[in-house]
Amino acid sequence: MGRSRHLALFFFVFYLVLLLVVVFGQNMLAMYMMAIGMLLDAGLALAASYKRK
């Protein structure tokens, strides 16, 4: 899937913050962040599949 650099950078930073949240023991917040990240990723993949080529 051809994503933009900005979107890739966003997800990199998002998951880096997620890793820090886990390291500091905030596991419930980490679970919420993981669910949001996966939902955003799936939503973008779905939108890209309906996009005209």
C-alpha atoms as a PDB file:
ATOM      1  CA  MET A   1       0.000   0.000   0.000  1.00  0.00           C
ATOM      2  CA  GLY A   2       1.539   3.332  -1.033  1.00  0.00           C
ATOM      3  CA  ARG A   3       1.281   5.629   1.945  1.00  0.00           C
ATOM      4  CA  SER A   4       2.725   9.075   2.258  1.00  0.00           C
ATOM      5  CA  ARG A   5       5.844   9.824   4.247  1.00  0.00           C
ATOM      6  CA  HIS A   6       3.846  11.996   6.628  1.00  0.00           C
ATOM      7  CA  LEU A   7       1.496   9.168   7.453  1.00  0.00           C
ATOM      8  CA  ALA A   8       4.387   6.754   7.947  1.00  0.00           C
ATOM      9  CA  LEU A   9       6.076   9.289  10.244  1.00  0.00           C
ATOM     10  CA  PHE A  10       2.825   9.731  12.191  1.00  0.00           C
ATOM     11  CA  PHE A  11       2.497   5.995  12.802  1.00  0.00           C
ATOM     12  CA  PHE A  12       6.190   5.707  13.728  1.00  0.00           C
ATOM     13  CA  VAL A  13       5.858   8.443  16.357  1.00  0.00           C
ATOM     14  CA  PHE A  14       2.520   7.056  17.557  1.00  0.00           C
ATOM     15  CA  TYR A  15       3.945   3.577  18.114  1.00  0.00           C
ATOM     16  CA  LEU A  16       7.100   5.030  19.691  1.00  0.00           C
ATOM     17  CA  VAL A  17       4.901   6.823  22.234  1.00  0.00           C
ATOM     18  CA  LEU A  18       3.010   3.558  22.696  1.00  0.00           C
ATOM     19  CA  LEU A  19       6.277   1.808  23.530  1.00  0.00           C
ATOM     20  CA  LEU A  20       7.120   4.498  26.085  1.00  0.00           C
ATOM     21  CA  VAL A  21       3.694   4.131  27.678  1.00  0.00           C
ATOM     22  CA  VAL A  22       4.304   0.392  28.071  1.00  0.00           C
ATOM     23  CA  VAL A  23       7.780   0.983  29.521  1.00  0.00           C
ATOM     24  CA  PHE A  24       6.320   3.315  32.145  1.00  0.00           C
ATOM     25  CA  GLY A  25       3.732   0.712  33.134  1.00  0.00           C
ATOM     26  CA  GLN A  26       0.577   2.390  31.849  1.00  0.00           C
ATOM     27  CA  ASN A  27      -0.777  -0.797  30.345  1.00  0.00           C
ATOM     28  CA  MET A  28      -4.441   0.219  30.077  1.00  0.00           C
ATOM     29  CA  LEU A  29      -3.544   3.411  28.205  1.00  0.00           C
ATOM     30  CA  ALA A  30      -1.288   1.305  25.977  1.00  0.00           C
ATOM     31  CA  MET A  31      -4.187  -1.003  25.154  1.00  0.00           C
ATOM     32  CA  TYR A  32      -6.370   1.967  24.167  1.00  0.00           C
ATOM     33  CA  MET A  33      -3.579   3.397  22.020  1.00  0.00           C
ATOM     34  CA  MET A  34      -2.995   0.038  20.353  1.00  0.00           C
ATOM     35  CA  ALA A  35      -6.694  -0.313  19.540  1.00  0.00           C
ATOM     36  CA  ILE A  36      -6.823   3.219  18.108  1.00  0.00           C
ATOM     37  CA  GLY A  37      -3.700   2.613  16.024  1.00  0.00           C
ATOM     38  CA  MET A  38      -5.013  -0.639  14.587  1.00  0.00           C
ATOM     39  CA  LEU A  39      -8.408   0.922  13.842  1.00  0.00           C
ATOM     40  CA  LEU A  40      -6.763   3.866  12.050  1.00  0.00           C
ATOM     41  CA  ASP A  41      -4.562   1.494  10.049  1.00  0.00           C
ATOM     42  CA  ALA A  42      -7.528  -0.658   9.030  1.00  0.00           C
ATOM     43  CA  GLY A  43      -9.623   2.402   8.187  1.00  0.00           C
ATOM     44  CA  LEU A  44      -6.900   3.809   5.951  1.00  0.00           C
ATOM     45  CA  ALA A  45      -6.481   0.464   4.212  1.00  0.00           C
ATOM     46  CA  LEU A  46     -10.237   0.274   3.644  1.00  0.00           C
ATOM     47  CA  ALA A  47     -10.372   3.829   2.283  1.00  0.00           C
ATOM     48  CA  ALA A  48      -7.447   3.084  -0.036  1.00  0.00           C
ATOM     49  CA  SER A  49      -9.180  -0.012  -1.360  1.00  0.00           C
ATOM     50  CA  TYR A  50     -12.194   2.077  -2.429  1.00  0.00           C
ATOM     51  CA  LYS A  51     -10.092   4.878  -3.865  1.00  0.00           C
ATOM     52  CA  ARG A  52     -10.028   5.194  -7.640  1.00  0.00           C
ATOM     53  CA  LYS A  53      -6.847   4.173  -9.369  1.00  0.00           C
END
